[in-house]
Amino acid sequence: MDAEEIRAIFKFSALEKNLISSFGIEEELFLPFLLSLKSGGSWSYASEETNSIAVKDVITFYDDENKIGYTLEKIYFFVDPKVVKEEGLVSRLEKCGTKEERELVERPYFITLQAKKIIFAEVNPSLKKITVRELKKKHIQLKGTPAYSAAHELEHLEKGEVKGIPIWTFEYFKEQ
C-alpha cells in the first residue's frame, strides 16, 4: 500500500466518522450499515440497550444500446426495528455466518418495519457516490429480497442463530 492510498483511506474514514456523528447515534449501532457498505449483504447488531439492522437491496440499470450499466445498491438502516406486519410466505435457501451449507427457511414476502430512525443510502458505483439521508417516516414496507433479509436479521436479534432445515435433507432427481 502506497502513501496515496493510505491518505485516501484516512480521508474516507474521516468522512465516514463525520457522517455517523451527524445522525446523533452511537457509533457501534452503525456497524451493520458499515458492514453492508464495505462487505455487502445485510447485517445486525445488538447490545443490552438497543439494536440495529442494515438491509441491502440492488437494482441493475443497463443500457442495451451502449452495452453498459451499473448496479445501484440501496441500504436501509434501522435503529431499534420492530415488525409491524408480515404478509405472504416464501420458502428459500439461506446461508448464514460460519455455517457451511445453506438451509431452508420460510420468510415473509412483505414486511413492514417501524424504527426509532430509518436511514437510507444509495451507493452508485457508476458515479462513485454514496448518498445518505434520514427518512422522515418511521414505518417502511419491504418486498421480496429486502423483506427476506430484514426477517433474517431480525431473527438474529431475537434468537441469536438463524435455524433452518439443512440442504442435505433435499433429494436429487435426474431428468431423463
N, C-alpha and C. Protein backbone atom coordinates (compact mmCIF):
# COMPACT_ATOMS: atom_id res chain seq x y z
N MET A 1 0.86 -1.17 0.00
CA MET A 1 0.00 0.00 0.00
C MET A 1 0.90 1.24 0.00
N ASP A 2 0.64 2.14 -0.93
CA ASP A 2 1.49 3.34 -1.01
C ASP A 2 0.86 4.48 -0.20
N ALA A 3 1.60 5.57 -0.05
CA ALA A 3 1.18 6.70 0.77
C ALA A 3 -0.12 7.33 0.27
N GLU A 4 -0.30 7.39 -1.04
CA GLU A 4 -1.51 7.99 -1.61
C GLU A 4 -2.75 7.17 -1.24
N GLU A 5 -2.61 5.86 -1.28
CA GLU A 5 -3.73 5.00 -0.92
C GLU A 5 -4.06 5.13 0.57
N ILE A 6 -3.04 5.21 1.40
CA ILE A 6 -3.25 5.37 2.84
C ILE A 6 -3.95 6.69 3.13
N ARG A 7 -3.55 7.78 2.45
CA ARG A 7 -4.21 9.08 2.62
C ARG A 7 -5.68 9.00 2.20
N ALA A 8 -5.96 8.29 1.10
CA ALA A 8 -7.33 8.15 0.63
C ALA A 8 -8.18 7.39 1.65
N ILE A 9 -7.61 6.35 2.26
CA ILE A 9 -8.32 5.59 3.28
C ILE A 9 -8.61 6.47 4.50
N PHE A 10 -7.62 7.24 4.94
CA PHE A 10 -7.83 8.14 6.08
C PHE A 10 -8.89 9.20 5.77
N LYS A 11 -8.87 9.73 4.56
CA LYS A 11 -9.87 10.73 4.16
C LYS A 11 -11.27 10.12 4.17
N PHE A 12 -11.41 8.93 3.60
CA PHE A 12 -12.69 8.24 3.57
C PHE A 12 -13.17 7.96 5.00
N SER A 13 -12.26 7.51 5.85
CA SER A 13 -12.61 7.21 7.25
C SER A 13 -13.07 8.45 8.00
N ALA A 14 -12.42 9.59 7.75
CA ALA A 14 -12.81 10.85 8.39
C ALA A 14 -14.21 11.27 7.93
N LEU A 15 -14.46 11.15 6.63
CA LEU A 15 -15.79 11.48 6.09
C LEU A 15 -16.85 10.57 6.70
N GLU A 16 -16.51 9.31 6.84
CA GLU A 16 -17.41 8.32 7.42
C GLU A 16 -17.73 8.67 8.88
N LYS A 17 -16.71 9.01 9.64
CA LYS A 17 -16.89 9.37 11.05
C LYS A 17 -17.78 10.61 11.18
N ASN A 18 -17.57 11.61 10.33
CA ASN A 18 -18.41 12.81 10.34
C ASN A 18 -19.85 12.49 10.00
N LEU A 19 -20.04 11.63 9.02
CA LEU A 19 -21.39 11.24 8.63
C LEU A 19 -22.10 10.56 9.80
N ILE A 20 -21.43 9.61 10.41
CA ILE A 20 -22.03 8.87 11.53
C ILE A 20 -22.42 9.82 12.66
N SER A 21 -21.53 10.71 13.03
CA SER A 21 -21.82 11.62 14.14
C SER A 21 -22.94 12.60 13.80
N SER A 22 -23.17 12.87 12.51
CA SER A 22 -24.22 13.81 12.11
C SER A 22 -25.63 13.28 12.40
N PHE A 23 -25.77 11.98 12.58
CA PHE A 23 -27.08 11.39 12.86
C PHE A 23 -27.37 11.29 14.35
N GLY A 24 -26.40 11.60 15.20
CA GLY A 24 -26.62 11.57 16.64
C GLY A 24 -26.93 10.19 17.19
N ILE A 25 -26.28 9.18 16.62
CA ILE A 25 -26.49 7.80 17.04
C ILE A 25 -25.15 7.24 17.51
N GLU A 26 -25.21 6.36 18.50
CA GLU A 26 -23.98 5.71 18.97
C GLU A 26 -23.25 5.05 17.80
N GLU A 27 -21.94 5.21 17.76
CA GLU A 27 -21.14 4.72 16.64
C GLU A 27 -21.30 3.22 16.41
N GLU A 28 -21.33 2.42 17.49
CA GLU A 28 -21.39 0.97 17.29
C GLU A 28 -22.70 0.52 16.64
N LEU A 29 -23.76 1.32 16.77
CA LEU A 29 -25.01 0.98 16.11
C LEU A 29 -24.86 1.00 14.59
N PHE A 30 -23.89 1.76 14.09
CA PHE A 30 -23.68 1.87 12.65
C PHE A 30 -22.92 0.68 12.06
N LEU A 31 -22.46 -0.24 12.89
CA LEU A 31 -21.70 -1.39 12.38
C LEU A 31 -22.42 -2.14 11.26
N PRO A 32 -23.71 -2.46 11.38
CA PRO A 32 -24.38 -3.16 10.28
C PRO A 32 -24.35 -2.36 8.97
N PHE A 33 -24.55 -1.05 9.08
CA PHE A 33 -24.50 -0.19 7.89
C PHE A 33 -23.13 -0.26 7.24
N LEU A 34 -22.08 -0.11 8.04
CA LEU A 34 -20.71 -0.12 7.51
C LEU A 34 -20.35 -1.48 6.91
N LEU A 35 -20.78 -2.56 7.57
CA LEU A 35 -20.52 -3.89 7.03
C LEU A 35 -21.25 -4.12 5.72
N SER A 36 -22.49 -3.65 5.65
CA SER A 36 -23.25 -3.79 4.41
C SER A 36 -22.58 -3.02 3.28
N LEU A 37 -22.13 -1.82 3.59
CA LEU A 37 -21.46 -0.99 2.60
C LEU A 37 -20.13 -1.60 2.15
N LYS A 38 -19.33 -2.04 3.09
CA LYS A 38 -17.96 -2.49 2.77
C LYS A 38 -17.85 -3.97 2.42
N SER A 39 -18.70 -4.82 3.02
CA SER A 39 -18.60 -6.26 2.77
C SER A 39 -19.77 -6.80 1.96
N GLY A 40 -20.82 -6.01 1.85
CA GLY A 40 -22.01 -6.46 1.15
C GLY A 40 -22.94 -7.20 2.09
N GLY A 41 -24.13 -7.48 1.62
CA GLY A 41 -25.09 -8.23 2.40
C GLY A 41 -25.81 -7.40 3.44
N SER A 42 -26.59 -8.08 4.26
CA SER A 42 -27.36 -7.46 5.33
C SER A 42 -26.78 -7.91 6.66
N TRP A 43 -26.88 -7.05 7.68
CA TRP A 43 -26.21 -7.29 8.95
C TRP A 43 -27.07 -6.80 10.12
N SER A 44 -26.75 -7.29 11.32
CA SER A 44 -27.45 -6.84 12.52
C SER A 44 -26.45 -6.62 13.66
N TYR A 45 -26.89 -5.82 14.64
CA TYR A 45 -26.08 -5.54 15.82
C TYR A 45 -27.02 -5.42 17.02
N ALA A 46 -26.61 -5.95 18.15
CA ALA A 46 -27.43 -5.81 19.36
C ALA A 46 -26.54 -5.58 20.56
N SER A 47 -26.98 -4.68 21.42
CA SER A 47 -26.38 -4.50 22.74
C SER A 47 -27.52 -4.70 23.74
N GLU A 48 -27.24 -4.55 25.01
CA GLU A 48 -28.30 -4.73 26.01
C GLU A 48 -29.37 -3.65 25.89
N GLU A 49 -28.97 -2.45 25.44
CA GLU A 49 -29.89 -1.32 25.40
C GLU A 49 -30.61 -1.14 24.07
N THR A 50 -29.97 -1.49 22.97
CA THR A 50 -30.51 -1.14 21.66
C THR A 50 -30.01 -2.10 20.58
N ASN A 51 -30.57 -1.98 19.39
CA ASN A 51 -30.11 -2.81 18.28
C ASN A 51 -30.33 -2.09 16.96
N SER A 52 -29.73 -2.65 15.91
CA SER A 52 -29.88 -2.07 14.59
C SER A 52 -29.68 -3.16 13.53
N ILE A 53 -30.25 -2.90 12.36
CA ILE A 53 -30.03 -3.79 11.22
C ILE A 53 -29.82 -2.94 9.97
N ALA A 54 -29.05 -3.48 9.05
CA ALA A 54 -28.90 -2.89 7.72
C ALA A 54 -29.38 -3.94 6.72
N VAL A 55 -30.22 -3.50 5.81
CA VAL A 55 -30.80 -4.39 4.80
C VAL A 55 -30.43 -3.84 3.43
N LYS A 56 -29.83 -4.70 2.61
CA LYS A 56 -29.38 -4.27 1.29
C LYS A 56 -30.32 -4.76 0.20
N ASP A 57 -30.54 -3.89 -0.79
CA ASP A 57 -31.28 -4.22 -1.99
C ASP A 57 -30.46 -3.72 -3.18
N VAL A 58 -30.63 -4.33 -4.33
CA VAL A 58 -29.87 -3.91 -5.51
C VAL A 58 -30.80 -3.82 -6.72
N ILE A 59 -30.49 -2.86 -7.58
CA ILE A 59 -31.19 -2.69 -8.85
C ILE A 59 -30.13 -2.46 -9.91
N THR A 60 -30.17 -3.25 -10.98
CA THR A 60 -29.21 -3.06 -12.06
C THR A 60 -29.86 -2.28 -13.20
N PHE A 61 -29.19 -1.23 -13.61
CA PHE A 61 -29.60 -0.42 -14.75
C PHE A 61 -28.66 -0.75 -15.90
N TYR A 62 -29.23 -1.08 -17.05
CA TYR A 62 -28.41 -1.48 -18.19
C TYR A 62 -28.94 -0.83 -19.46
N ASP A 63 -28.04 -0.25 -20.22
CA ASP A 63 -28.36 0.38 -21.50
C ASP A 63 -28.02 -0.62 -22.60
N ASP A 64 -29.06 -1.23 -23.19
CA ASP A 64 -28.86 -2.24 -24.24
C ASP A 64 -28.13 -1.67 -25.45
N GLU A 65 -28.41 -0.42 -25.77
CA GLU A 65 -27.81 0.18 -26.95
C GLU A 65 -26.30 0.37 -26.78
N ASN A 66 -25.89 0.90 -25.62
CA ASN A 66 -24.47 1.16 -25.38
C ASN A 66 -23.74 0.00 -24.71
N LYS A 67 -24.52 -1.00 -24.28
CA LYS A 67 -23.95 -2.19 -23.64
C LYS A 67 -23.17 -1.89 -22.36
N ILE A 68 -23.70 -0.93 -21.57
CA ILE A 68 -23.08 -0.61 -20.28
C ILE A 68 -24.18 -0.44 -19.23
N GLY A 69 -23.80 -0.59 -18.00
CA GLY A 69 -24.76 -0.41 -16.92
C GLY A 69 -24.06 -0.34 -15.58
N TYR A 70 -24.86 -0.35 -14.54
CA TYR A 70 -24.33 -0.34 -13.17
C TYR A 70 -25.40 -0.91 -12.24
N THR A 71 -24.97 -1.37 -11.10
CA THR A 71 -25.89 -1.89 -10.09
C THR A 71 -25.93 -0.91 -8.93
N LEU A 72 -27.08 -0.29 -8.76
CA LEU A 72 -27.31 0.63 -7.66
C LEU A 72 -27.62 -0.18 -6.41
N GLU A 73 -26.92 0.09 -5.33
CA GLU A 73 -27.20 -0.58 -4.06
C GLU A 73 -27.99 0.36 -3.17
N LYS A 74 -29.03 -0.18 -2.56
CA LYS A 74 -29.82 0.56 -1.59
C LYS A 74 -29.62 -0.09 -0.24
N ILE A 75 -29.29 0.70 0.76
CA ILE A 75 -29.11 0.18 2.11
C ILE A 75 -30.12 0.88 3.02
N TYR A 76 -30.97 0.07 3.64
CA TYR A 76 -31.92 0.56 4.63
C TYR A 76 -31.33 0.25 6.00
N PHE A 77 -31.16 1.28 6.81
CA PHE A 77 -30.56 1.11 8.13
C PHE A 77 -31.61 1.48 9.18
N PHE A 78 -31.91 0.54 10.08
CA PHE A 78 -32.95 0.71 11.08
C PHE A 78 -32.36 0.69 12.48
N VAL A 79 -32.72 1.66 13.29
CA VAL A 79 -32.33 1.67 14.70
C VAL A 79 -33.55 1.25 15.52
N ASP A 80 -33.38 0.21 16.33
CA ASP A 80 -34.45 -0.38 17.13
C ASP A 80 -35.65 -0.77 16.26
N PRO A 81 -35.44 -1.64 15.27
CA PRO A 81 -36.55 -2.04 14.39
C PRO A 81 -37.53 -2.97 15.08
N LYS A 82 -38.79 -2.83 14.71
CA LYS A 82 -39.87 -3.70 15.19
C LYS A 82 -40.75 -4.06 14.00
N VAL A 83 -41.23 -5.28 13.98
CA VAL A 83 -42.13 -5.73 12.91
C VAL A 83 -43.53 -5.20 13.20
N VAL A 84 -44.10 -4.52 12.22
CA VAL A 84 -45.49 -4.05 12.30
C VAL A 84 -46.40 -5.06 11.64
N LYS A 85 -45.96 -5.60 10.48
CA LYS A 85 -46.81 -6.52 9.74
C LYS A 85 -45.94 -7.39 8.83
N GLU A 86 -46.32 -8.64 8.69
CA GLU A 86 -45.70 -9.56 7.73
C GLU A 86 -46.82 -10.13 6.88
N GLU A 87 -46.50 -10.35 5.59
CA GLU A 87 -47.51 -10.90 4.69
C GLU A 87 -46.84 -11.85 3.70
N GLY A 88 -47.51 -12.95 3.43
CA GLY A 88 -47.00 -13.93 2.49
C GLY A 88 -45.96 -14.83 3.12
N LEU A 89 -45.63 -15.89 2.42
CA LEU A 89 -44.65 -16.84 2.93
C LEU A 89 -43.85 -17.39 1.75
N VAL A 90 -42.54 -17.28 1.84
CA VAL A 90 -41.65 -17.74 0.78
C VAL A 90 -40.66 -18.73 1.37
N SER A 91 -40.57 -19.92 0.76
CA SER A 91 -39.54 -20.90 1.15
C SER A 91 -38.29 -20.57 0.36
N ARG A 92 -37.16 -20.51 1.03
CA ARG A 92 -35.91 -20.13 0.36
C ARG A 92 -34.71 -20.72 1.07
N LEU A 93 -33.61 -20.82 0.36
CA LEU A 93 -32.36 -21.28 0.92
C LEU A 93 -31.53 -20.08 1.33
N GLU A 94 -30.95 -20.14 2.54
CA GLU A 94 -30.09 -19.06 3.03
C GLU A 94 -28.83 -19.66 3.64
N LYS A 95 -27.76 -18.92 3.56
CA LYS A 95 -26.52 -19.27 4.23
C LYS A 95 -26.22 -18.15 5.21
N CYS A 96 -25.76 -18.51 6.37
CA CYS A 96 -25.53 -17.51 7.39
C CYS A 96 -24.21 -17.75 8.10
N GLY A 97 -23.47 -16.67 8.27
CA GLY A 97 -22.26 -16.69 9.08
C GLY A 97 -21.30 -17.81 8.78
N THR A 98 -20.95 -18.55 9.82
CA THR A 98 -19.93 -19.58 9.70
C THR A 98 -20.49 -20.93 9.28
N LYS A 99 -21.79 -21.03 9.10
CA LYS A 99 -22.37 -22.31 8.67
C LYS A 99 -21.82 -22.66 7.29
N GLU A 100 -21.58 -23.95 7.10
CA GLU A 100 -21.00 -24.42 5.84
C GLU A 100 -22.01 -24.43 4.70
N GLU A 101 -23.22 -24.90 4.99
CA GLU A 101 -24.22 -25.09 3.94
C GLU A 101 -25.41 -24.15 4.14
N ARG A 102 -26.14 -24.00 3.05
CA ARG A 102 -27.39 -23.23 3.14
C ARG A 102 -28.47 -24.08 3.79
N GLU A 103 -29.47 -23.39 4.33
CA GLU A 103 -30.59 -24.06 4.99
C GLU A 103 -31.90 -23.51 4.45
N LEU A 104 -32.92 -24.36 4.47
CA LEU A 104 -34.26 -23.98 4.04
C LEU A 104 -34.94 -23.23 5.18
N VAL A 105 -35.44 -22.04 4.87
CA VAL A 105 -36.17 -21.24 5.85
C VAL A 105 -37.43 -20.69 5.18
N GLU A 106 -38.34 -20.18 5.99
CA GLU A 106 -39.53 -19.51 5.47
C GLU A 106 -39.47 -18.06 5.90
N ARG A 107 -39.72 -17.18 4.94
CA ARG A 107 -39.66 -15.73 5.18
C ARG A 107 -40.92 -15.06 4.62
N PRO A 108 -41.28 -13.91 5.17
CA PRO A 108 -42.42 -13.17 4.61
C PRO A 108 -42.02 -12.53 3.27
N TYR A 109 -43.00 -12.42 2.37
CA TYR A 109 -42.75 -11.75 1.10
C TYR A 109 -42.79 -10.23 1.28
N PHE A 110 -43.66 -9.75 2.18
CA PHE A 110 -43.72 -8.34 2.56
C PHE A 110 -43.44 -8.26 4.05
N ILE A 111 -42.72 -7.23 4.46
CA ILE A 111 -42.54 -6.96 5.89
C ILE A 111 -42.58 -5.46 6.08
N THR A 112 -43.36 -5.02 7.06
CA THR A 112 -43.42 -3.61 7.40
C THR A 112 -42.71 -3.45 8.74
N LEU A 113 -41.73 -2.55 8.75
CA LEU A 113 -40.95 -2.29 9.97
C LEU A 113 -41.17 -0.87 10.43
N GLN A 114 -41.12 -0.69 11.73
CA GLN A 114 -41.04 0.65 12.29
C GLN A 114 -39.73 0.72 13.05
N ALA A 115 -39.18 1.91 13.17
CA ALA A 115 -37.90 2.07 13.85
C ALA A 115 -37.79 3.47 14.43
N LYS A 116 -36.92 3.59 15.42
CA LYS A 116 -36.66 4.89 16.02
C LYS A 116 -36.09 5.84 14.96
N LYS A 117 -35.19 5.30 14.13
CA LYS A 117 -34.62 6.03 13.00
C LYS A 117 -34.50 5.08 11.82
N ILE A 118 -34.78 5.62 10.63
CA ILE A 118 -34.55 4.87 9.39
C ILE A 118 -33.66 5.74 8.52
N ILE A 119 -32.50 5.20 8.22
CA ILE A 119 -31.53 5.91 7.38
C ILE A 119 -31.41 5.13 6.08
N PHE A 120 -31.41 5.86 4.98
CA PHE A 120 -31.40 5.25 3.66
C PHE A 120 -30.16 5.72 2.89
N ALA A 121 -29.49 4.77 2.27
CA ALA A 121 -28.30 5.11 1.47
C ALA A 121 -28.44 4.51 0.08
N GLU A 122 -27.96 5.24 -0.91
CA GLU A 122 -27.84 4.74 -2.27
C GLU A 122 -26.37 4.78 -2.65
N VAL A 123 -25.86 3.65 -3.09
CA VAL A 123 -24.46 3.55 -3.49
C VAL A 123 -24.45 3.37 -5.01
N ASN A 124 -23.93 4.39 -5.69
CA ASN A 124 -23.89 4.37 -7.15
C ASN A 124 -22.45 4.17 -7.61
N PRO A 125 -22.09 2.95 -8.02
CA PRO A 125 -20.70 2.69 -8.42
C PRO A 125 -20.32 3.40 -9.72
N SER A 126 -21.29 3.73 -10.55
CA SER A 126 -21.01 4.44 -11.79
C SER A 126 -20.50 5.86 -11.51
N LEU A 127 -21.06 6.48 -10.47
CA LEU A 127 -20.66 7.84 -10.09
C LEU A 127 -19.66 7.86 -8.93
N LYS A 128 -19.40 6.70 -8.34
CA LYS A 128 -18.58 6.59 -7.12
C LYS A 128 -19.13 7.52 -6.04
N LYS A 129 -20.45 7.39 -5.80
CA LYS A 129 -21.15 8.30 -4.90
C LYS A 129 -22.01 7.50 -3.92
N ILE A 130 -21.94 7.88 -2.65
CA ILE A 130 -22.77 7.28 -1.60
C ILE A 130 -23.64 8.40 -1.04
N THR A 131 -24.93 8.33 -1.31
CA THR A 131 -25.86 9.36 -0.84
C THR A 131 -26.62 8.80 0.35
N VAL A 132 -26.60 9.53 1.47
CA VAL A 132 -27.20 9.04 2.72
C VAL A 132 -28.14 10.10 3.27
N ARG A 133 -29.32 9.66 3.71
CA ARG A 133 -30.26 10.59 4.33
C ARG A 133 -31.13 9.86 5.34
N GLU A 134 -31.61 10.60 6.33
CA GLU A 134 -32.56 10.03 7.27
C GLU A 134 -33.95 10.21 6.69
N LEU A 135 -34.73 9.15 6.70
CA LEU A 135 -36.10 9.23 6.22
C LEU A 135 -36.98 9.83 7.30
N LYS A 136 -37.93 10.63 6.89
CA LYS A 136 -38.85 11.26 7.85
C LYS A 136 -39.81 10.23 8.44
N LYS A 137 -40.22 9.27 7.60
CA LYS A 137 -41.19 8.29 8.08
C LYS A 137 -40.52 7.30 9.03
N LYS A 138 -41.32 6.75 9.90
CA LYS A 138 -40.83 5.78 10.88
C LYS A 138 -41.30 4.37 10.58
N HIS A 139 -42.05 4.19 9.47
CA HIS A 139 -42.51 2.88 9.00
C HIS A 139 -42.06 2.72 7.56
N ILE A 140 -41.72 1.52 7.19
CA ILE A 140 -41.39 1.25 5.79
C ILE A 140 -41.74 -0.19 5.47
N GLN A 141 -42.27 -0.40 4.27
CA GLN A 141 -42.58 -1.76 3.82
C GLN A 141 -41.52 -2.20 2.83
N LEU A 142 -40.99 -3.40 3.06
CA LEU A 142 -40.01 -4.00 2.16
C LEU A 142 -40.67 -5.20 1.49
N LYS A 143 -40.24 -5.47 0.26
CA LYS A 143 -40.83 -6.54 -0.54
C LYS A 143 -39.73 -7.41 -1.14
N GLY A 144 -39.94 -8.72 -1.16
CA GLY A 144 -39.00 -9.62 -1.81
C GLY A 144 -37.69 -9.74 -1.04
N THR A 145 -36.58 -9.66 -1.78
CA THR A 145 -35.27 -9.89 -1.17
C THR A 145 -35.00 -9.01 0.06
N PRO A 146 -35.27 -7.69 0.02
CA PRO A 146 -35.04 -6.92 1.24
C PRO A 146 -35.91 -7.38 2.42
N ALA A 147 -37.13 -7.84 2.13
CA ALA A 147 -38.00 -8.36 3.20
C ALA A 147 -37.41 -9.62 3.80
N TYR A 148 -36.89 -10.53 2.94
CA TYR A 148 -36.27 -11.75 3.45
C TYR A 148 -35.06 -11.41 4.32
N SER A 149 -34.26 -10.47 3.82
CA SER A 149 -33.05 -10.08 4.55
C SER A 149 -33.39 -9.46 5.90
N ALA A 150 -34.41 -8.60 5.92
CA ALA A 150 -34.82 -7.98 7.18
C ALA A 150 -35.29 -9.05 8.17
N ALA A 151 -36.11 -9.99 7.70
CA ALA A 151 -36.60 -11.07 8.58
C ALA A 151 -35.43 -11.90 9.11
N HIS A 152 -34.45 -12.16 8.26
CA HIS A 152 -33.25 -12.92 8.65
C HIS A 152 -32.51 -12.19 9.78
N GLU A 153 -32.25 -10.89 9.58
CA GLU A 153 -31.51 -10.12 10.58
C GLU A 153 -32.30 -9.96 11.87
N LEU A 154 -33.61 -9.81 11.77
CA LEU A 154 -34.44 -9.72 12.97
C LEU A 154 -34.43 -11.04 13.73
N GLU A 155 -34.35 -12.15 13.01
CA GLU A 155 -34.23 -13.45 13.67
C GLU A 155 -32.93 -13.54 14.47
N HIS A 156 -31.85 -12.98 13.92
CA HIS A 156 -30.59 -12.92 14.67
C HIS A 156 -30.78 -12.15 15.97
N LEU A 157 -31.45 -11.00 15.90
CA LEU A 157 -31.64 -10.18 17.10
C LEU A 157 -32.51 -10.90 18.13
N GLU A 158 -33.51 -11.62 17.64
CA GLU A 158 -34.45 -12.29 18.53
C GLU A 158 -33.90 -13.60 19.11
N LYS A 159 -33.28 -14.42 18.24
CA LYS A 159 -32.89 -15.77 18.64
C LYS A 159 -31.40 -16.02 18.63
N GLY A 160 -30.62 -15.07 18.12
CA GLY A 160 -29.18 -15.29 18.02
C GLY A 160 -28.81 -15.99 16.73
N GLU A 161 -29.14 -17.25 16.64
CA GLU A 161 -28.78 -18.04 15.47
C GLU A 161 -30.00 -18.26 14.58
N VAL A 162 -29.77 -18.19 13.28
CA VAL A 162 -30.82 -18.49 12.32
C VAL A 162 -30.84 -20.00 12.10
N LYS A 163 -32.01 -20.61 12.25
CA LYS A 163 -32.11 -22.06 12.09
C LYS A 163 -33.07 -22.39 10.97
N GLY A 164 -32.65 -23.38 10.19
CA GLY A 164 -33.49 -23.86 9.11
C GLY A 164 -33.29 -25.35 8.93
N ILE A 165 -33.79 -25.85 7.83
CA ILE A 165 -33.66 -27.27 7.51
C ILE A 165 -32.45 -27.43 6.60
N PRO A 166 -31.49 -28.26 6.98
CA PRO A 166 -30.26 -28.40 6.18
C PRO A 166 -30.54 -28.86 4.76
N ILE A 167 -29.72 -28.39 3.84
CA ILE A 167 -29.89 -28.73 2.43
C ILE A 167 -29.71 -30.23 2.19
N TRP A 168 -28.98 -30.92 3.05
CA TRP A 168 -28.78 -32.35 2.83
C TRP A 168 -30.04 -33.18 3.08
N THR A 169 -31.13 -32.54 3.50
CA THR A 169 -32.41 -33.25 3.60
C THR A 169 -33.16 -33.26 2.26
N PHE A 170 -32.63 -32.51 1.29
CA PHE A 170 -33.23 -32.48 -0.06
C PHE A 170 -32.88 -33.77 -0.79
N GLU A 171 -33.61 -34.04 -1.88
CA GLU A 171 -33.32 -35.17 -2.74
C GLU A 171 -32.97 -34.68 -4.13
N TYR A 172 -32.08 -35.39 -4.79
CA TYR A 172 -31.75 -35.13 -6.18
C TYR A 172 -32.69 -35.93 -7.07
N PHE A 173 -33.09 -35.34 -8.17
CA PHE A 173 -33.87 -36.04 -9.21
C PHE A 173 -33.23 -35.74 -10.54
N LYS A 174 -32.88 -36.78 -11.26
CA LYS A 174 -32.28 -36.62 -12.57
C LYS A 174 -33.36 -36.80 -13.64
N GLU A 175 -33.50 -35.78 -14.47
CA GLU A 175 -34.47 -35.89 -15.56
C GLU A 175 -33.87 -36.70 -16.70
N GLN A 176 -34.72 -37.46 -17.35
CA GLN A 176 -34.27 -38.30 -18.46
C GLN A 176 -34.45 -37.59 -19.77
